[in-house]
C-alpha atoms as a PDB file:
ATOM      1  CA  MET A   1     116.155 152.315  91.626  1.00  0.00           C
ATOM      2  CA  SER A   2     119.541 153.435  92.901  1.00  0.00           C
ATOM      3  CA  ILE A   3     120.650 157.042  92.615  1.00  0.00           C
ATOM      4  CA  PRO A   4     123.566 157.476  90.169  1.00  0.00           C
ATOM      5  CA  ARG A   5     126.811 158.863  91.597  1.00  0.00           C
ATOM      6  CA  LEU A   6     129.009 161.111  89.449  1.00  0.00           C
ATOM      7  CA  PHE A   7     132.523 162.355  90.055  1.00  0.00           C
ATOM      8  CA  ILE A   8     132.594 166.103  89.361  1.00  0.00           C
ATOM      9  CA  ASP A   9     135.968 167.827  89.498  1.00  0.00           C
ATOM     10  CA  GLN A  10     134.434 171.233  90.229  1.00  0.00           C
ATOM     11  CA  PRO A  11     133.584 173.047  93.482  1.00  0.00           C
ATOM     12  CA  LEU A  12     130.403 171.582  94.959  1.00  0.00           C
ATOM     13  CA  ALA A  13     128.127 173.636  97.237  1.00  0.00           C
ATOM     14  CA  GLU A  14     124.411 173.910  97.929  1.00  0.00           C
ATOM     15  CA  GLY A  15     122.567 176.045  95.401  1.00  0.00           C
ATOM     16  CA  HIS A  16     125.280 175.844  92.736  1.00  0.00           C
ATOM     17  CA  LEU A  17     124.739 174.691  89.159  1.00  0.00           C
ATOM     18  CA  VAL A  18     127.489 172.528  87.656  1.00  0.00           C
ATOM     19  CA  GLU A  19     128.030 171.086  84.204  1.00  0.00           C
ATOM     20  CA  ALA A  20     128.553 167.381  83.587  1.00  0.00           C
ATOM     21  CA  ALA A  21     131.979 166.139  82.549  1.00  0.00           C
ATOM     22  CA  PRO A  22     132.414 164.809  78.973  1.00  0.00           C
ATOM     23  CA  GLY A  23     130.569 161.521  78.537  1.00  0.00           C
ATOM     24  CA  GLN A  24     128.468 161.837  81.686  1.00  0.00           C
ATOM     25  CA  ALA A  25     125.418 163.287  79.920  1.00  0.00           C
ATOM     26  CA  HIS A  26     125.318 160.335  77.519  1.00  0.00           C
ATOM     27  CA  HIS A  27     125.661 157.864  80.377  1.00  0.00           C
ATOM     28  CA  ILE A  28     122.959 159.491  82.498  1.00  0.00           C
ATOM     29  CA  GLY A  29     120.491 160.209  79.691  1.00  0.00           C
ATOM     30  CA  THR A  30     120.978 157.361  77.215  1.00  0.00           C
ATOM     31  CA  VAL A  31     122.329 154.483  79.303  1.00  0.00           C
ATOM     32  CA  LEU A  32     120.518 155.123  82.602  1.00  0.00           C
ATOM     33  CA  ARG A  33     117.517 156.881  80.991  1.00  0.00           C
ATOM     34  CA  ARG A  34     117.312 159.705  83.532  1.00  0.00           C
ATOM     35  CA  GLY A  35     115.873 163.116  82.756  1.00  0.00           C
ATOM     36  CA  PRO A  36     115.245 166.577  84.236  1.00  0.00           C
ATOM     37  CA  GLY A  37     114.213 166.468  87.882  1.00  0.00           C
ATOM     38  CA  ASP A  38     115.745 163.031  88.528  1.00  0.00           C
ATOM     39  CA  ALA A  39     118.094 162.641  91.470  1.00  0.00           C
ATOM     40  CA  VAL A  40     121.850 162.171  91.227  1.00  0.00           C
ATOM     41  CA  ARG A  41     124.696 162.429  93.707  1.00  0.00           C
ATOM     42  CA  LEU A  42     127.840 164.397  92.944  1.00  0.00           C
ATOM     43  CA  PHE A  43     131.151 163.929  94.714  1.00  0.00           C
ATOM     44  CA  ASN A  44     134.840 164.742  94.854  1.00  0.00           C
ATOM     45  CA  PRO A  45     137.442 164.385  97.626  1.00  0.00           C
ATOM     46  CA  ARG A  46     137.616 168.127  98.359  1.00  0.00           C
ATOM     47  CA  ASP A  47     133.920 168.784  98.905  1.00  0.00           C
ATOM     48  CA  GLY A  48     132.431 165.381  99.776  1.00  0.00           C
ATOM     49  CA  GLU A  49     129.173 164.060  98.350  1.00  0.00           C
ATOM     50  CA  TRP A  50     126.064 166.117  97.567  1.00  0.00           C
ATOM     51  CA  ASP A  51     122.447 165.444  96.662  1.00  0.00           C
ATOM     52  CA  ALA A  52     121.561 166.980  93.322  1.00  0.00           C
ATOM     53  CA  THR A  53     118.954 166.896  90.561  1.00  0.00           C
ATOM     54  CA  ILE A  54     119.252 167.013  86.800  1.00  0.00           C
ATOM     55  CA  GLU A  55     118.416 170.595  85.878  1.00  0.00           C
ATOM     56  CA  ALA A  56     118.810 170.131  82.119  1.00  0.00           C
ATOM     57  CA  ILE A  57     120.084 167.354  79.846  1.00  0.00           C
ATOM     58  CA  ARG A  58     120.545 166.678  76.164  1.00  0.00           C
ATOM     59  CA  LYS A  59     122.648 164.298  74.095  1.00  0.00           C
ATOM     60  CA  ASP A  60     126.079 165.666  74.934  1.00  0.00           C
ATOM     61  CA  ARG A  61     125.494 168.067  77.837  1.00  0.00           C
ATOM     62  CA  ALA A  62     123.911 168.041  81.278  1.00  0.00           C
ATOM     63  CA  ARG A  63     123.598 170.493  84.142  1.00  0.00           C
ATOM     64  CA  PHE A  64     122.973 169.638  87.780  1.00  0.00           C
ATOM     65  CA  ALA A  65     121.425 171.674  90.601  1.00  0.00           C
ATOM     66  CA  ILE A  66     123.145 170.916  93.910  1.00  0.00           C
ATOM     67  CA  GLY A  67     121.139 170.436  97.099  1.00  0.00           C
ATOM     68  CA  ALA A  68     122.256 169.412 100.583  1.00  0.00           C
ATOM     69  CA  GLN A  69     125.521 167.720 101.465  1.00  0.00           C
ATOM     70  CA  ALA A  70     125.090 163.961 101.888  1.00  0.00           C
ATOM     71  CA  ARG A  71     128.600 163.162 103.143  1.00  0.00           C
ATOM     72  CA  PRO A  72     131.478 165.407 104.207  1.00  0.00           C
ATOM     73  CA  PRO A  73     134.982 164.964 102.769  1.00  0.00           C
ATOM     74  CA  ALA A  74     137.169 162.427 104.553  1.00  0.00           C
ATOM     75  CA  ALA A  75     140.873 161.726 104.304  1.00  0.00           C
ATOM     76  CA  GLU A  76     141.893 158.514 102.541  1.00  0.00           C
ATOM     77  CA  PRO A  77     145.118 156.695 103.447  1.00  0.00           C
ATOM     78  CA  GLU A  78     147.663 156.689 100.640  1.00  0.00           C
ATOM     79  CA  CYS A  79     147.795 153.343  98.867  1.00  0.00           C
ATOM     80  CA  ARG A  80     149.920 152.817  95.757  1.00  0.00           C
ATOM     81  CA  LEU A  81     149.692 149.899  93.332  1.00  0.00           C
ATOM     82  CA  LEU A  82     152.578 149.468  90.906  1.00  0.00           C
ATOM     83  CA  VAL A  83     151.931 146.705  88.412  1.00  0.00           C
ATOM     84  CA  ALA A  84     153.687 145.536  85.253  1.00  0.00           C
ATOM     85  CA  ALA A  85     151.610 146.653  82.269  1.00  0.00           C
ATOM     86  CA  LEU A  86     149.200 143.880  81.279  1.00  0.00           C
ATOM     87  CA  LYS A  87     147.129 143.112  78.216  1.00  0.00           C
ATOM     88  CA  ARG A  88     144.044 145.276  77.852  1.00  0.00           C
ATOM     89  CA  ASP A  89     141.354 143.136  79.506  1.00  0.00           C
ATOM     90  CA  ALA A  90     143.541 142.157  82.460  1.00  0.00           C
ATOM     91  CA  MET A  91     144.726 145.739  82.977  1.00  0.00           C
ATOM     92  CA  ASP A  92     141.160 147.043  82.864  1.00  0.00           C
ATOM     93  CA  TRP A  93     140.148 144.506  85.508  1.00  0.00           C
ATOM     94  CA  VAL A  94     143.091 145.369  87.778  1.00  0.00           C
ATOM     95  CA  VAL A  95     142.297 149.091  87.609  1.00  0.00           C
ATOM     96  CA  GLU A  96     138.638 148.494  88.435  1.00  0.00           C
ATOM     97  CA  LYS A  97     139.390 146.206  91.389  1.00  0.00           C
ATOM     98  CA  ALA A  98     142.268 148.318  92.705  1.00  0.00           C
ATOM     99  CA  THR A  99     139.912 151.297  92.763  1.00  0.00           C
ATOM    100  CA  GLU A 100     137.393 149.294  94.780  1.00  0.00           C
ATOM    101  CA  LEU A 101     140.192 148.242  97.158  1.00  0.00           C
ATOM    102  CA  GLY A 102     141.230 151.824  97.886  1.00  0.00           C
ATOM    103  CA  ALA A 103     144.285 152.398  95.706  1.00  0.00           C
ATOM    104  CA  THR A 104     145.076 156.108  95.426  1.00  0.00           C
ATOM    105  CA  LEU A 105     147.711 155.626  92.692  1.00  0.00           C
ATOM    106  CA  ILE A 106     147.825 152.975  89.973  1.00  0.00           C
ATOM    107  CA  GLN A 107     151.199 153.023  88.235  1.00  0.00           C
ATOM    108  CA  PRO A 108     151.768 150.731  85.243  1.00  0.00           C
ATOM    109  CA  VAL A 109     155.416 149.625  85.020  1.00  0.00           C
ATOM    110  CA  LEU A 110     157.477 148.405  82.060  1.00  0.00           C
ATOM    111  CA  THR A 111     159.810 145.480  82.758  1.00  0.00           C
ATOM    112  CA  ARG A 112     161.864 143.155  80.579  1.00  0.00           C
ATOM    113  CA  ARG A 113     159.062 140.581  80.475  1.00  0.00           C
ATOM    114  CA  THR A 114     156.107 142.951  80.382  1.00  0.00           C
ATOM    115  CA  VAL A 115     153.469 141.660  77.962  1.00  0.00           C
ATOM    116  CA  ALA A 116     152.297 145.150  76.937  1.00  0.00           C
ATOM    117  CA  ASP A 117     154.544 148.010  75.856  1.00  0.00           C
ATOM    118  CA  ARG A 118     152.203 150.751  77.029  1.00  0.00           C
ATOM    119  CA  ALA A 119     149.001 151.440  78.960  1.00  0.00           C
ATOM    120  CA  ASN A 120     146.336 153.905  77.884  1.00  0.00           C
ATOM    121  CA  ALA A 121     146.210 156.136  80.964  1.00  0.00           C
ATOM    122  CA  ALA A 122     143.203 158.146  79.742  1.00  0.00           C
ATOM    123  CA  ARG A 123     141.079 155.054  79.123  1.00  0.00           C
ATOM    124  CA  LEU A 124     142.174 153.462  82.397  1.00  0.00           C
ATOM    125  CA  SER A 125     141.387 156.691  84.264  1.00  0.00           C
ATOM    126  CA  ALA A 126     137.825 156.522  82.909  1.00  0.00           C
ATOM    127  CA  ILE A 127     137.553 152.945  84.202  1.00  0.00           C
ATOM    128  CA  ALA A 128     138.818 154.079  87.611  1.00  0.00           C
ATOM    129  CA  ARG A 129     136.281 156.913  87.675  1.00  0.00           C
ATOM    130  CA  GLY A 130     133.428 154.526  86.886  1.00  0.00           C
ATOM    131  CA  ALA A 131     134.574 152.105  89.591  1.00  0.00           C
ATOM    132  CA  ALA A 132     134.793 154.930  92.156  1.00  0.00           C
ATOM    133  CA  GLU A 133     131.244 156.005  91.294  1.00  0.00           C
ATOM    134  CA  GLN A 134     129.998 152.451  91.844  1.00  0.00           C
ATOM    135  CA  CYS A 135     131.862 151.657  95.087  1.00  0.00           C
ATOM    136  CA  GLU A 136     130.959 154.890  96.952  1.00  0.00           C
ATOM    137  CA  ARG A 137     134.474 156.276  97.205  1.00  0.00           C
ATOM    138  CA  LEU A 138     134.856 160.033  97.393  1.00  0.00           C
ATOM    139  CA  SER A 139     138.034 160.045  95.319  1.00  0.00           C
ATOM    140  CA  VAL A 140     139.254 158.587  92.043  1.00  0.00           C
ATOM    141  CA  PRO A 141     142.752 157.099  91.990  1.00  0.00           C
ATOM    142  CA  GLU A 142     145.399 158.643  89.779  1.00  0.00           C
ATOM    143  CA  VAL A 143     146.311 156.368  86.870  1.00  0.00           C
ATOM    144  CA  ALA A 144     149.803 157.310  85.736  1.00  0.00           C
ATOM    145  CA  GLU A 145     151.505 156.784  82.413  1.00  0.00           C
ATOM    146  CA  ALA A 146     153.587 153.606  82.204  1.00  0.00           C
ATOM    147  CA  VAL A 147     157.273 154.052  83.073  1.00  0.00           C
ATOM    148  CA  PRO A 148     160.284 151.697  82.988  1.00  0.00           C
ATOM    149  CA  LEU A 149     160.957 149.928  86.276  1.00  0.00           C
ATOM    150  CA  HIS A 150     164.457 151.349  86.722  1.00  0.00           C
ATOM    151  CA  ARG A 151     163.210 154.916  86.247  1.00  0.00           C
ATOM    152  CA  LEU A 152     160.456 154.359  88.792  1.00  0.00           C
ATOM    153  CA  LEU A 153     162.921 152.986  91.353  1.00  0.00           C
ATOM    154  CA  ASP A 154     165.435 155.771  90.744  1.00  0.00           C
ATOM    155  CA  GLY A 155     162.763 158.389  91.439  1.00  0.00           C
ATOM    156  CA  TRP A 156     161.098 156.617  94.376  1.00  0.00           C
ATOM    157  CA  ASP A 157     160.524 158.773  97.459  1.00  0.00           C
ATOM    158  CA  GLY A 158     161.858 156.217  99.938  1.00  0.00           C
ATOM    159  CA  ALA A 159     158.531 154.912 101.226  1.00  0.00           C
ATOM    160  CA  PRO A 160     158.575 151.145 101.939  1.00  0.00           C
ATOM    161  CA  LEU A 161     157.771 149.298  98.723  1.00  0.00           C
ATOM    162  CA  VAL A 162     156.425 145.775  99.161  1.00  0.00           C
ATOM    163  CA  VAL A 163     157.493 143.682  96.177  1.00  0.00           C
ATOM    164  CA  ALA A 164     155.730 140.404  95.423  1.00  0.00           C
ATOM    165  CA  MET A 165     158.525 137.911  94.761  1.00  0.00           C
ATOM    166  CA  GLU A 166     157.412 134.369  93.978  1.00  0.00           C
ATOM    167  CA  ARG A 167     159.719 131.462  94.768  1.00  0.00           C
ATOM    168  CA  SER A 168     161.952 133.633  96.929  1.00  0.00           C
ATOM    169  CA  GLN A 169     162.958 133.609 100.582  1.00  0.00           C
ATOM    170  CA  ALA A 170     160.575 136.441 101.340  1.00  0.00           C
ATOM    171  CA  ARG A 171     158.491 136.858 104.450  1.00  0.00           C
ATOM    172  CA  PRO A 172     154.698 136.471 104.223  1.00  0.00           C
ATOM    173  CA  LEU A 173     152.734 139.695 104.281  1.00  0.00           C
ATOM    174  CA  ARG A 174     151.394 139.054 107.773  1.00  0.00           C
ATOM    175  CA  GLU A 175     154.929 139.416 109.172  1.00  0.00           C
ATOM    176  CA  LEU A 176     155.542 142.838 107.665  1.00  0.00           C
ATOM    177  CA  ALA A 177     155.242 146.046 109.655  1.00  0.00           C
ATOM    178  CA  ARG A 178     154.120 149.424 108.342  1.00  0.00           C
ATOM    179  CA  PRO A 179     156.042 152.443 109.643  1.00  0.00           C
ATOM    180  CA  GLU A 180     153.841 155.093 111.224  1.00  0.00           C
ATOM    181  CA  GLY A 181     152.414 157.389 108.565  1.00  0.00           C
ATOM    182  CA  ALA A 182     153.968 155.523 105.620  1.00  0.00           C
ATOM    183  CA  PRO A 183     151.800 154.845 102.583  1.00  0.00           C
ATOM    184  CA  LEU A 184     150.963 151.326 101.516  1.00  0.00           C
ATOM    185  CA  ALA A 185     152.832 150.495  98.317  1.00  0.00           C
ATOM    186  CA  LEU A 186     152.846 147.221  96.375  1.00  0.00           C
ATOM    187  CA  LEU A 187     154.815 146.268  93.253  1.00  0.00           C
ATOM    188  CA  VAL A 188     153.709 143.270  91.175  1.00  0.00           C
ATOM    189  CA  GLY A 189     155.769 142.022  88.257  1.00  0.00           C
ATOM    190  CA  PRO A 190     154.790 140.567  84.871  1.00  0.00           C
ATOM    191  CA  GLU A 191     153.453 137.097  84.059  1.00  0.00           C
ATOM    192  CA  GLY A 192     156.946 135.702  83.545  1.00  0.00           C
ATOM    193  CA  GLY A 193     158.263 137.254  86.734  1.00  0.00           C
ATOM    194  CA  PHE A 194     161.049 139.781  87.124  1.00  0.00           C
ATOM    195  CA  ALA A 195     164.298 139.123  85.263  1.00  0.00           C
ATOM    196  CA  GLU A 196     167.286 138.230  87.465  1.00  0.00           C
ATOM    197  CA  ALA A 197     168.907 141.611  86.829  1.00  0.00           C
ATOM    198  CA  GLU A 198     165.671 143.315  87.934  1.00  0.00           C
ATOM    199  CA  LEU A 199     165.512 141.196  91.082  1.00  0.00           C
ATOM    200  CA  ASP A 200     169.125 142.080  91.888  1.00  0.00           C
ATOM    201  CA  ASP A 201     168.334 145.768  91.399  1.00  0.00           C
ATOM    202  CA  LEU A 202     165.252 145.528  93.603  1.00  0.00           C
ATOM    203  CA  ARG A 203     167.131 143.782  96.414  1.00  0.00           C
ATOM    204  CA  ARG A 204     169.773 146.527  96.418  1.00  0.00           C
ATOM    205  CA  ARG A 205     167.206 149.250  97.041  1.00  0.00           C
ATOM    206  CA  PRO A 206     166.931 150.052 100.780  1.00  0.00           C
ATOM    207  CA  PHE A 207     163.222 150.799 100.571  1.00  0.00           C
ATOM    208  CA  VAL A 208     162.265 147.461  98.927  1.00  0.00           C
ATOM    209  CA  VAL A 209     160.546 144.914 101.170  1.00  0.00           C
ATOM    210  CA  PRO A 210     160.367 141.454  99.502  1.00  0.00           C
ATOM    211  CA  ALA A 211     157.159 139.602 100.330  1.00  0.00           C
ATOM    212  CA  ALA A 212     155.545 136.293  99.458  1.00  0.00           C
ATOM    213  CA  LEU A 213     151.915 135.971  98.390  1.00  0.00           C
ATOM    214  CA  GLY A 214     151.389 132.383  99.467  1.00  0.00           C
ATOM    215  CA  PRO A 215     152.483 128.955  98.233  1.00  0.00           C
ATOM    216  CA  ARG A 216     151.020 129.160  94.728  1.00  0.00           C
ATOM    217  CA  ILE A 217     152.148 131.011  91.623  1.00  0.00           C
ATOM    218  CA  LEU A 218     149.556 133.662  90.801  1.00  0.00           C
ATOM    219  CA  ARG A 219     148.733 135.351  87.541  1.00  0.00           C
ATOM    220  CA  ALA A 220     149.882 138.963  87.577  1.00  0.00           C
ATOM    221  CA  GLU A 221     146.365 140.374  87.807  1.00  0.00           C
ATOM    222  CA  THR A 222     145.495 137.941  90.613  1.00  0.00           C
ATOM    223  CA  ALA A 223     148.659 138.868  92.511  1.00  0.00           C
ATOM    224  CA  ALA A 224     147.903 142.590  92.197  1.00  0.00           C
ATOM    225  CA  VAL A 225     144.387 142.292  93.601  1.00  0.00           C
ATOM    226  CA  ALA A 226     145.198 139.630  96.210  1.00  0.00           C
ATOM    227  CA  GLY A 227     148.278 141.500  97.416  1.00  0.00           C
ATOM    228  CA  LEU A 228     146.439 144.800  97.667  1.00  0.00           C
ATOM    229  CA  ALA A 229     143.559 143.181  99.548  1.00  0.00           C
ATOM    230  CA  ALA A 230     145.966 141.473 101.956  1.00  0.00           C
ATOM    231  CA  LEU A 231     147.825 144.742 102.646  1.00  0.00           C
ATOM    232  CA  GLN A 232     144.577 146.597 103.256  1.00  0.00           C
ATOM    233  CA  ALA A 233     143.362 143.856 105.606  1.00  0.00           C
ATOM    234  CA  LEU A 234     146.608 143.578 107.566  1.00  0.00           C
ATOM    235  CA  MET A 235     147.724 147.188 107.818  1.00  0.00           C
ATOM    236  CA  GLY A 236     145.461 149.415 105.738  1.00  0.00           C
ATOM    237  CA  ASP A 237     141.961 150.818 106.104  1.00  0.00           C
ATOM    238  CA  TRP A 238     140.420 147.361 106.548  1.00  0.00           C
ATOM    239  CA  ALA A 239     142.472 146.708 109.681  1.00  0.00           C
END
């Protein structure tokens, strides 16, 4: 039986007692059927991962006793996924898979052809936290509130932004270069593609790097996961 991992956004150190975050007691006690004395592992990016045991648990609360450190903190390369807001099931899936692939920021974007007019950042953050607990990451990606594309571009910090542009004269990802120290950043548009005015705006931005994701037209959620995986394999922490 595997040991459950829990993200705890509190200082972690040997001998400390920490309280579970909202919802964790229910998951550990009711869903996983663990009780006092059972082992868990607690983690966050500041303190690393720690062995712990359940010191007390009831329906809505749990307390953990921290033992020895299992893994020290380690820096993660910055990796941003910007994706047009999708319908609920597709957006949930993208957040889960992007977390597994190492995204440090998931930013829903509103475009002219976006199929959803918002994204529930709190619910998506919970999905990201669960995915991080399962995939043995030490951090949970930030899931931001959805913002209009033009506002995002106007406030961009100048880092190279790879934009998936289907049916365009864009270079394949394998031909792109990543400047030393620059974060990975990928923008994927909606199911219907970017509007022409949006494409014109993107091409005018000096930080935008148009890229092709192969010879086939991909669904937006497929493009987000495939593009992120390709970037990680070619120039990220898979390379």
